[in-house]
């Protein structure tokens, strides 16, 4: 879960690092990583939350280029699971 920014740089940095580590592990192992967020959580510290989201999206692009990581909607994942 992409928790909202708390304003505590240590806590927020560790949370971002945890997400990136999970994304990298999934990419390296051709596995799935589900990151979700609730839009209302972006209300407080809006700019910082959007900056972190942008950072995570850029990191996804790095993993996509390096490992072929893919992004799917929930509907696409459902279809993939049903087809398997």
PDB file of N, CA and C in Angstrom:
ATOM      1  N   UNK A   1       0.852  -1.180   0.000  1.00  0.00           N
ATOM      2  CA  UNK A   1       0.000   0.000   0.000  1.00  0.00           C
ATOM      3  C   UNK A   1       0.891   1.234   0.000  1.00  0.00           C
ATOM      4  N   UNK A   2       0.622   2.132  -0.914  1.00  0.00           N
ATOM      5  CA  UNK A   2       1.365   3.393  -0.969  1.00  0.00           C
ATOM      6  C   UNK A   2       0.763   4.332   0.072  1.00  0.00           C
ATOM      7  N   UNK A   3       1.365   4.277   1.248  1.00  0.00           N
ATOM      8  CA  UNK A   3       0.866   5.105   2.342  1.00  0.00           C
ATOM      9  C   UNK A   3       1.143   6.576   2.051  1.00  0.00           C
ATOM     10  N   UNK A   4       0.323   7.451   2.591  1.00  0.00           N
ATOM     11  CA  UNK A   4       0.566   8.875   2.368  1.00  0.00           C
ATOM     12  C   UNK A   4       1.832   9.336   3.084  1.00  0.00           C
ATOM     13  N   UNK A   5       2.425  10.369   2.538  1.00  0.00           N
ATOM     14  CA  UNK A   5       3.598  10.991   3.147  1.00  0.00           C
ATOM     15  C   UNK A   5       3.229  11.451   4.558  1.00  0.00           C
ATOM     16  N   UNK A   6       4.131  11.189   5.502  1.00  0.00           N
ATOM     17  CA  UNK A   6       3.883  11.592   6.889  1.00  0.00           C
ATOM     18  C   UNK A   6       4.515  12.934   7.224  1.00  0.00           C
ATOM     19  N   UNK A   7       5.527  13.304   6.454  1.00  0.00           N
ATOM     20  CA  UNK A   7       6.306  14.496   6.772  1.00  0.00           C
ATOM     21  C   UNK A   7       7.582  14.141   7.515  1.00  0.00           C
ATOM     22  N   UNK A   8       7.714  12.884   7.955  1.00  0.00           N
ATOM     23  CA  UNK A   8       8.921  12.400   8.612  1.00  0.00           C
ATOM     24  C   UNK A   8       9.808  11.795   7.519  1.00  0.00           C
ATOM     25  N   UNK A   9      10.904  12.481   7.200  1.00  0.00           N
ATOM     26  CA  UNK A   9      11.747  12.056   6.082  1.00  0.00           C
ATOM     27  C   UNK A   9      12.290  10.641   6.245  1.00  0.00           C
ATOM     28  N   UNK A  10      12.631  10.251   7.450  1.00  0.00           N
ATOM     29  CA  UNK A  10      13.153   8.908   7.686  1.00  0.00           C
ATOM     30  C   UNK A  10      12.081   7.857   7.395  1.00  0.00           C
ATOM     31  N   UNK A  11      10.910   8.028   7.969  1.00  0.00           N
ATOM     32  CA  UNK A  11       9.809   7.080   7.777  1.00  0.00           C
ATOM     33  C   UNK A  11       9.395   7.031   6.308  1.00  0.00           C
ATOM     34  N   UNK A  12       9.244   8.196   5.697  1.00  0.00           N
ATOM     35  CA  UNK A  12       8.813   8.250   4.304  1.00  0.00           C
ATOM     36  C   UNK A  12       9.870   7.642   3.377  1.00  0.00           C
ATOM     37  N   UNK A  13      11.137   7.901   3.666  1.00  0.00           N
ATOM     38  CA  UNK A  13      12.215   7.329   2.866  1.00  0.00           C
ATOM     39  C   UNK A  13      12.277   5.817   2.981  1.00  0.00           C
ATOM     40  N   UNK A  14      12.096   5.299   4.188  1.00  0.00           N
ATOM     41  CA  UNK A  14      12.098   3.845   4.381  1.00  0.00           C
ATOM     42  C   UNK A  14      10.917   3.186   3.673  1.00  0.00           C
ATOM     43  N   UNK A  15       9.774   3.843   3.706  1.00  0.00           N
ATOM     44  CA  UNK A  15       8.594   3.295   3.033  1.00  0.00           C
ATOM     45  C   UNK A  15       8.829   3.231   1.517  1.00  0.00           C
ATOM     46  N   UNK A  16       9.383   4.299   0.958  1.00  0.00           N
ATOM     47  CA  UNK A  16       9.683   4.316  -0.474  1.00  0.00           C
ATOM     48  C   UNK A  16      10.708   3.243  -0.824  1.00  0.00           C
ATOM     49  N   UNK A  17      11.729   3.096   0.011  1.00  0.00           N
ATOM     50  CA  UNK A  17      12.745   2.075  -0.229  1.00  0.00           C
ATOM     51  C   UNK A  17      12.141   0.676  -0.186  1.00  0.00           C
ATOM     52  N   UNK A  18      11.249   0.429   0.740  1.00  0.00           N
ATOM     53  CA  UNK A  18      10.575  -0.866   0.850  1.00  0.00           C
ATOM     54  C   UNK A  18       9.796  -1.184  -0.428  1.00  0.00           C
ATOM     55  N   UNK A  19       9.093  -0.199  -0.938  1.00  0.00           N
ATOM     56  CA  UNK A  19       8.332  -0.390  -2.175  1.00  0.00           C
ATOM     57  C   UNK A  19       9.280  -0.678  -3.332  1.00  0.00           C
ATOM     58  N   UNK A  20      10.339   0.108  -3.462  1.00  0.00           N
ATOM     59  CA  UNK A  20      11.287  -0.103  -4.560  1.00  0.00           C
ATOM     60  C   UNK A  20      11.958  -1.468  -4.462  1.00  0.00           C
ATOM     61  N   UNK A  21      12.290  -1.890  -3.264  1.00  0.00           N
ATOM     62  CA  UNK A  21      12.891  -3.220  -3.098  1.00  0.00           C
ATOM     63  C   UNK A  21      11.918  -4.307  -3.544  1.00  0.00           C
ATOM     64  N   UNK A  22      10.655  -4.171  -3.202  1.00  0.00           N
ATOM     65  CA  UNK A  22       9.645  -5.132  -3.624  1.00  0.00           C
ATOM     66  C   UNK A  22       9.456  -5.133  -5.130  1.00  0.00           C
ATOM     67  N   UNK A  23       9.462  -3.959  -5.723  1.00  0.00           N
ATOM     68  CA  UNK A  23       9.336  -3.861  -7.177  1.00  0.00           C
ATOM     69  C   UNK A  23      10.523  -4.537  -7.861  1.00  0.00           C
ATOM     70  N   UNK A  24      11.717  -4.277  -7.366  1.00  0.00           N
ATOM     71  CA  UNK A  24      12.922  -4.860  -7.970  1.00  0.00           C
ATOM     72  C   UNK A  24      12.918  -6.376  -7.838  1.00  0.00           C
ATOM     73  N   UNK A  25      12.541  -6.869  -6.686  1.00  0.00           N
ATOM     74  CA  UNK A  25      12.483  -8.318  -6.461  1.00  0.00           C
ATOM     75  C   UNK A  25      11.496  -8.968  -7.435  1.00  0.00           C
ATOM     76  N   UNK A  26      10.350  -8.358  -7.602  1.00  0.00           N
ATOM     77  CA  UNK A  26       9.349  -8.890  -8.531  1.00  0.00           C
ATOM     78  C   UNK A  26       9.864  -8.848  -9.963  1.00  0.00           C
ATOM     79  N   UNK A  27      10.493  -7.756 -10.342  1.00  0.00           N
ATOM     80  CA  UNK A  27      11.010  -7.628 -11.708  1.00  0.00           C
ATOM     81  C   UNK A  27      12.084  -8.667 -11.991  1.00  0.00           C
ATOM     82  N   UNK A  28      13.002  -8.855 -11.068  1.00  0.00           N
ATOM     83  CA  UNK A  28      14.099  -9.808 -11.253  1.00  0.00           C
ATOM     84  C   UNK A  28      13.594 -11.242 -11.329  1.00  0.00           C
ATOM     85  N   UNK A  29      12.483 -11.542 -10.676  1.00  0.00           N
ATOM     86  CA  UNK A  29      11.941 -12.898 -10.620  1.00  0.00           C
ATOM     87  C   UNK A  29      10.738 -13.102 -11.538  1.00  0.00           C
ATOM     88  N   UNK A  30      10.505 -12.131 -12.420  1.00  0.00           N
ATOM     89  CA  UNK A  30       9.362 -12.208 -13.339  1.00  0.00           C
ATOM     90  C   UNK A  30       8.077 -12.530 -12.571  1.00  0.00           C
ATOM     91  N   UNK A  31       7.882 -11.801 -11.492  1.00  0.00           N
ATOM     92  CA  UNK A  31       6.744 -12.009 -10.612  1.00  0.00           C
ATOM     93  C   UNK A  31       5.848 -10.772 -10.626  1.00  0.00           C
ATOM     94  N   UNK A  32       4.823 -10.790  -9.809  1.00  0.00           N
ATOM     95  CA  UNK A  32       3.889  -9.667  -9.733  1.00  0.00           C
ATOM     96  C   UNK A  32       4.176  -8.806  -8.507  1.00  0.00           C
ATOM     97  N   UNK A  33       3.905  -7.529  -8.659  1.00  0.00           N
ATOM     98  CA  UNK A  33       3.969  -6.593  -7.539  1.00  0.00           C
ATOM     99  C   UNK A  33       2.759  -5.692  -7.663  1.00  0.00           C
ATOM    100  N   UNK A  34       1.913  -5.715  -6.654  1.00  0.00           N
ATOM    101  CA  UNK A  34       0.695  -4.912  -6.663  1.00  0.00           C
ATOM    102  C   UNK A  34       0.882  -3.726  -5.735  1.00  0.00           C
ATOM    103  N   UNK A  35       0.891  -2.554  -6.328  1.00  0.00           N
ATOM    104  CA  UNK A  35       0.983  -1.319  -5.544  1.00  0.00           C
ATOM    105  C   UNK A  35      -0.342  -0.596  -5.694  1.00  0.00           C
ATOM    106  N   UNK A  36      -0.985  -0.311  -4.583  1.00  0.00           N
ATOM    107  CA  UNK A  36      -2.243   0.402  -4.642  1.00  0.00           C
ATOM    108  C   UNK A  36      -2.209   1.579  -3.696  1.00  0.00           C
ATOM    109  N   UNK A  37      -3.079   2.526  -3.993  1.00  0.00           N
ATOM    110  CA  UNK A  37      -3.198   3.728  -3.176  1.00  0.00           C
ATOM    111  C   UNK A  37      -4.633   4.215  -3.251  1.00  0.00           C
ATOM    112  N   UNK A  38      -5.001   4.990  -2.281  1.00  0.00           N
ATOM    113  CA  UNK A  38      -6.314   5.622  -2.283  1.00  0.00           C
ATOM    114  C   UNK A  38      -6.086   7.105  -2.595  1.00  0.00           C
ATOM    115  N   UNK A  39      -6.727   7.614  -3.641  1.00  0.00           N
ATOM    116  CA  UNK A  39      -6.496   9.008  -4.040  1.00  0.00           C
ATOM    117  C   UNK A  39      -6.688  10.024  -2.918  1.00  0.00           C
ATOM    118  N   UNK A  40      -7.603   9.763  -2.002  1.00  0.00           N
ATOM    119  CA  UNK A  40      -7.828  10.733  -0.926  1.00  0.00           C
ATOM    120  C   UNK A  40      -6.598  10.849  -0.006  1.00  0.00           C
ATOM    121  N   UNK A  41      -5.715   9.853  -0.030  1.00  0.00           N
ATOM    122  CA  UNK A  41      -4.513   9.921   0.800  1.00  0.00           C
ATOM    123  C   UNK A  41      -3.491  10.921   0.258  1.00  0.00           C
ATOM    124  N   UNK A  42      -3.713  11.421  -0.947  1.00  0.00           N
ATOM    125  CA  UNK A  42      -2.785  12.377  -1.534  1.00  0.00           C
ATOM    126  C   UNK A  42      -3.132  13.815  -1.165  1.00  0.00           C
ATOM    127  N   UNK A  43      -4.201  14.023  -0.410  1.00  0.00           N
ATOM    128  CA  UNK A  43      -4.667  15.364  -0.081  1.00  0.00           C
ATOM    129  C   UNK A  43      -3.709  16.159   0.792  1.00  0.00           C
ATOM    130  N   UNK A  44      -3.187  15.529   1.826  1.00  0.00           N
ATOM    131  CA  UNK A  44      -2.233  16.201   2.705  1.00  0.00           C
ATOM    132  C   UNK A  44      -0.837  15.952   2.141  1.00  0.00           C
ATOM    133  N   UNK A  45       0.010  16.958   2.140  1.00  0.00           N
ATOM    134  CA  UNK A  45       1.351  16.868   1.540  1.00  0.00           C
ATOM    135  C   UNK A  45       1.239  16.470   0.062  1.00  0.00           C
ATOM    136  N   UNK A  46       0.294  17.120  -0.619  1.00  0.00           N
ATOM    137  CA  UNK A  46      -0.028  16.766  -2.005  1.00  0.00           C
ATOM    138  C   UNK A  46       1.207  16.721  -2.908  1.00  0.00           C
ATOM    139  N   UNK A  47       2.007  17.754  -2.894  1.00  0.00           N
ATOM    140  CA  UNK A  47       3.181  17.807  -3.775  1.00  0.00           C
ATOM    141  C   UNK A  47       4.172  16.691  -3.459  1.00  0.00           C
ATOM    142  N   UNK A  48       4.410  16.436  -2.188  1.00  0.00           N
ATOM    143  CA  UNK A  48       5.350  15.382  -1.792  1.00  0.00           C
ATOM    144  C   UNK A  48       4.821  14.009  -2.200  1.00  0.00           C
ATOM    145  N   UNK A  49       3.519  13.789  -2.050  1.00  0.00           N
ATOM    146  CA  UNK A  49       2.931  12.516  -2.459  1.00  0.00           C
ATOM    147  C   UNK A  49       3.044  12.322  -3.968  1.00  0.00           C
ATOM    148  N   UNK A  50       2.765  13.365  -4.725  1.00  0.00           N
ATOM    149  CA  UNK A  50       2.871  13.270  -6.181  1.00  0.00           C
ATOM    150  C   UNK A  50       4.323  13.112  -6.623  1.00  0.00           C
ATOM    151  N   UNK A  51       5.241  13.774  -5.939  1.00  0.00           N
ATOM    152  CA  UNK A  51       6.663  13.612  -6.248  1.00  0.00           C
ATOM    153  C   UNK A  51       7.103  12.168  -6.026  1.00  0.00           C
ATOM    154  N   UNK A  52       6.655  11.572  -4.924  1.00  0.00           N
ATOM    155  CA  UNK A  52       7.028  10.190  -4.651  1.00  0.00           C
ATOM    156  C   UNK A  52       6.419   9.250  -5.685  1.00  0.00           C
ATOM    157  N   UNK A  53       5.175   9.491  -6.052  1.00  0.00           N
ATOM    158  CA  UNK A  53       4.544   8.674  -7.078  1.00  0.00           C
ATOM    159  C   UNK A  53       5.318   8.788  -8.394  1.00  0.00           C
ATOM    160  N   UNK A  54       5.702   9.984  -8.751  1.00  0.00           N
ATOM    161  CA  UNK A  54       6.499  10.169  -9.974  1.00  0.00           C
ATOM    162  C   UNK A  54       7.827   9.422  -9.880  1.00  0.00           C
ATOM    163  N   UNK A  55       8.462   9.466  -8.735  1.00  0.00           N
ATOM    164  CA  UNK A  55       9.716   8.735  -8.518  1.00  0.00           C
ATOM    165  C   UNK A  55       9.505   7.232  -8.700  1.00  0.00           C
ATOM    166  N   UNK A  56       8.415   6.708  -8.162  1.00  0.00           N
ATOM    167  CA  UNK A  56       8.122   5.281  -8.293  1.00  0.00           C
ATOM    168  C   UNK A  56       7.807   4.906  -9.738  1.00  0.00           C
ATOM    169  N   UNK A  57       7.131   5.771 -10.463  1.00  0.00           N
ATOM    170  CA  UNK A  57       6.844   5.507 -11.872  1.00  0.00           C
ATOM    171  C   UNK A  57       8.118   5.525 -12.709  1.00  0.00           C
ATOM    172  N   UNK A  58       9.021   6.432 -12.401  1.00  0.00           N
ATOM    173  CA  UNK A  58      10.314   6.454 -13.092  1.00  0.00           C
ATOM    174  C   UNK A  58      11.101   5.181 -12.777  1.00  0.00           C
ATOM    175  N   UNK A  59      11.033   4.742 -11.535  1.00  0.00           N
ATOM    176  CA  UNK A  59      11.717   3.512 -11.154  1.00  0.00           C
ATOM    177  C   UNK A  59      11.107   2.314 -11.884  1.00  0.00           C
ATOM    178  N   UNK A  60       9.778   2.317 -12.023  1.00  0.00           N
ATOM    179  CA  UNK A  60       9.133   1.265 -12.803  1.00  0.00           C
ATOM    180  C   UNK A  60       9.688   1.240 -14.224  1.00  0.00           C
ATOM    181  N   UNK A  61       9.843   2.404 -14.841  1.00  0.00           N
ATOM    182  CA  UNK A  61      10.388   2.456 -16.199  1.00  0.00           C
ATOM    183  C   UNK A  61      11.794   1.883 -16.258  1.00  0.00           C
ATOM    184  N   UNK A  62      12.596   2.123 -15.240  1.00  0.00           N
ATOM    185  CA  UNK A  62      13.928   1.538 -15.167  1.00  0.00           C
ATOM    186  C   UNK A  62      13.833   0.020 -15.136  1.00  0.00           C
ATOM    187  N   UNK A  63      12.943  -0.492 -14.300  1.00  0.00           N
ATOM    188  CA  UNK A  63      12.764  -1.947 -14.200  1.00  0.00           C
ATOM    189  C   UNK A  63      12.180  -2.525 -15.488  1.00  0.00           C
ATOM    190  N   UNK A  64      11.339  -1.776 -16.136  1.00  0.00           N
ATOM    191  CA  UNK A  64      10.774  -2.209 -17.414  1.00  0.00           C
ATOM    192  C   UNK A  64      11.884  -2.346 -18.452  1.00  0.00           C
ATOM    193  N   UNK A  65      12.758  -1.355 -18.520  1.00  0.00           N
ATOM    194  CA  UNK A  65      13.856  -1.385 -19.490  1.00  0.00           C
ATOM    195  C   UNK A  65      14.880  -2.464 -19.163  1.00  0.00           C
ATOM    196  N   UNK A  66      15.159  -2.654 -17.886  1.00  0.00           N
ATOM    197  CA  UNK A  66      16.192  -3.599 -17.476  1.00  0.00           C
ATOM    198  C   UNK A  66      15.713  -5.042 -17.432  1.00  0.00           C
ATOM    199  N   UNK A  67      14.482  -5.261 -16.976  1.00  0.00           N
ATOM    200  CA  UNK A  67      13.992  -6.623 -16.752  1.00  0.00           C
ATOM    201  C   UNK A  67      12.715  -6.965 -17.531  1.00  0.00           C
ATOM    202  N   UNK A  68      12.165  -6.002 -18.254  1.00  0.00           N
ATOM    203  CA  UNK A  68      10.927  -6.261 -18.984  1.00  0.00           C
ATOM    204  C   UNK A  68       9.684  -6.239 -18.119  1.00  0.00           C
ATOM    205  N   UNK A  69       9.757  -5.599 -16.960  1.00  0.00           N
ATOM    206  CA  UNK A  69       8.598  -5.525 -16.066  1.00  0.00           C
ATOM    207  C   UNK A  69       7.422  -4.889 -16.813  1.00  0.00           C
ATOM    208  N   UNK A  70       6.238  -5.418 -16.570  1.00  0.00           N
ATOM    209  CA  UNK A  70       5.035  -4.938 -17.236  1.00  0.00           C
ATOM    210  C   UNK A  70       4.071  -4.325 -16.229  1.00  0.00           C
ATOM    211  N   UNK A  71       3.197  -3.468 -16.729  1.00  0.00           N
ATOM    212  CA  UNK A  71       2.144  -2.870 -15.923  1.00  0.00           C
ATOM    213  C   UNK A  71       0.805  -3.330 -16.479  1.00  0.00           C
ATOM    214  N   UNK A  72      -0.087  -3.742 -15.579  1.00  0.00           N
ATOM    215  CA  UNK A  72      -1.403  -4.224 -15.975  1.00  0.00           C
ATOM    216  C   UNK A  72      -2.482  -3.569 -15.129  1.00  0.00           C
ATOM    217  N   UNK A  73      -3.639  -3.395 -15.737  1.00  0.00           N
ATOM    218  CA  UNK A  73      -4.804  -2.971 -14.969  1.00  0.00           C
ATOM    219  C   UNK A  73      -5.318  -4.179 -14.195  1.00  0.00           C
ATOM    220  N   UNK A  74      -6.198  -3.947 -13.257  1.00  0.00           N
ATOM    221  CA  UNK A  74      -6.785  -5.066 -12.518  1.00  0.00           C
ATOM    222  C   UNK A  74      -7.583  -5.967 -13.465  1.00  0.00           C
ATOM    223  N   UNK A  75      -8.248  -5.410 -14.434  1.00  0.00           N
ATOM    224  CA  UNK A  75      -9.005  -6.193 -15.413  1.00  0.00           C
ATOM    225  C   UNK A  75      -8.056  -7.075 -16.225  1.00  0.00           C
ATOM    226  N   UNK A  76      -6.939  -6.514 -16.672  1.00  0.00           N
ATOM    227  CA  UNK A  76      -5.975  -7.307 -17.429  1.00  0.00           C
ATOM    228  C   UNK A  76      -5.412  -8.457 -16.585  1.00  0.00           C
ATOM    229  N   UNK A  77      -5.131  -8.195 -15.327  1.00  0.00           N
ATOM    230  CA  UNK A  77      -4.633  -9.257 -14.446  1.00  0.00           C
ATOM    231  C   UNK A  77      -5.689 -10.338 -14.259  1.00  0.00           C
ATOM    232  N   UNK A  78      -6.917  -9.926 -14.116  1.00  0.00           N
ATOM    233  CA  UNK A  78      -8.011 -10.894 -13.983  1.00  0.00           C
ATOM    234  C   UNK A  78      -8.078 -11.781 -15.223  1.00  0.00           C
ATOM    235  N   UNK A  79      -7.999 -11.157 -16.381  1.00  0.00           N
ATOM    236  CA  UNK A  79      -8.041 -11.930 -17.634  1.00  0.00           C
ATOM    237  C   UNK A  79      -6.852 -12.882 -17.732  1.00  0.00           C
ATOM    238  N   UNK A  80      -5.663 -12.423 -17.354  1.00  0.00           N
ATOM    239  CA  UNK A  80      -4.481 -13.281 -17.388  1.00  0.00           C
ATOM    240  C   UNK A  80      -4.629 -14.487 -16.451  1.00  0.00           C
ATOM    241  N   UNK A  81      -5.160 -14.237 -15.268  1.00  0.00           N
ATOM    242  CA  UNK A  81      -5.346 -15.319 -14.303  1.00  0.00           C
ATOM    243  C   UNK A  81      -6.387 -16.319 -14.786  1.00  0.00           C
ATOM    244  N   UNK A  82      -7.444 -15.844 -15.377  1.00  0.00           N
ATOM    245  CA  UNK A  82      -8.481 -16.734 -15.894  1.00  0.00           C
ATOM    246  C   UNK A  82      -7.960 -17.581 -17.049  1.00  0.00           C
ATOM    247  N   UNK A  83      -7.066 -17.007 -17.843  1.00  0.00           N
ATOM    248  CA  UNK A  83      -6.511 -17.721 -18.996  1.00  0.00           C
ATOM    249  C   UNK A  83      -5.460 -18.742 -18.594  1.00  0.00           C
ATOM    250  N   UNK A  84      -4.892 -18.588 -17.414  1.00  0.00           N
ATOM    251  CA  UNK A  84      -3.812 -19.495 -16.978  1.00  0.00           C
ATOM    252  C   UNK A  84      -4.339 -20.837 -16.525  1.00  0.00           C
TER     253      UNK A  84
END
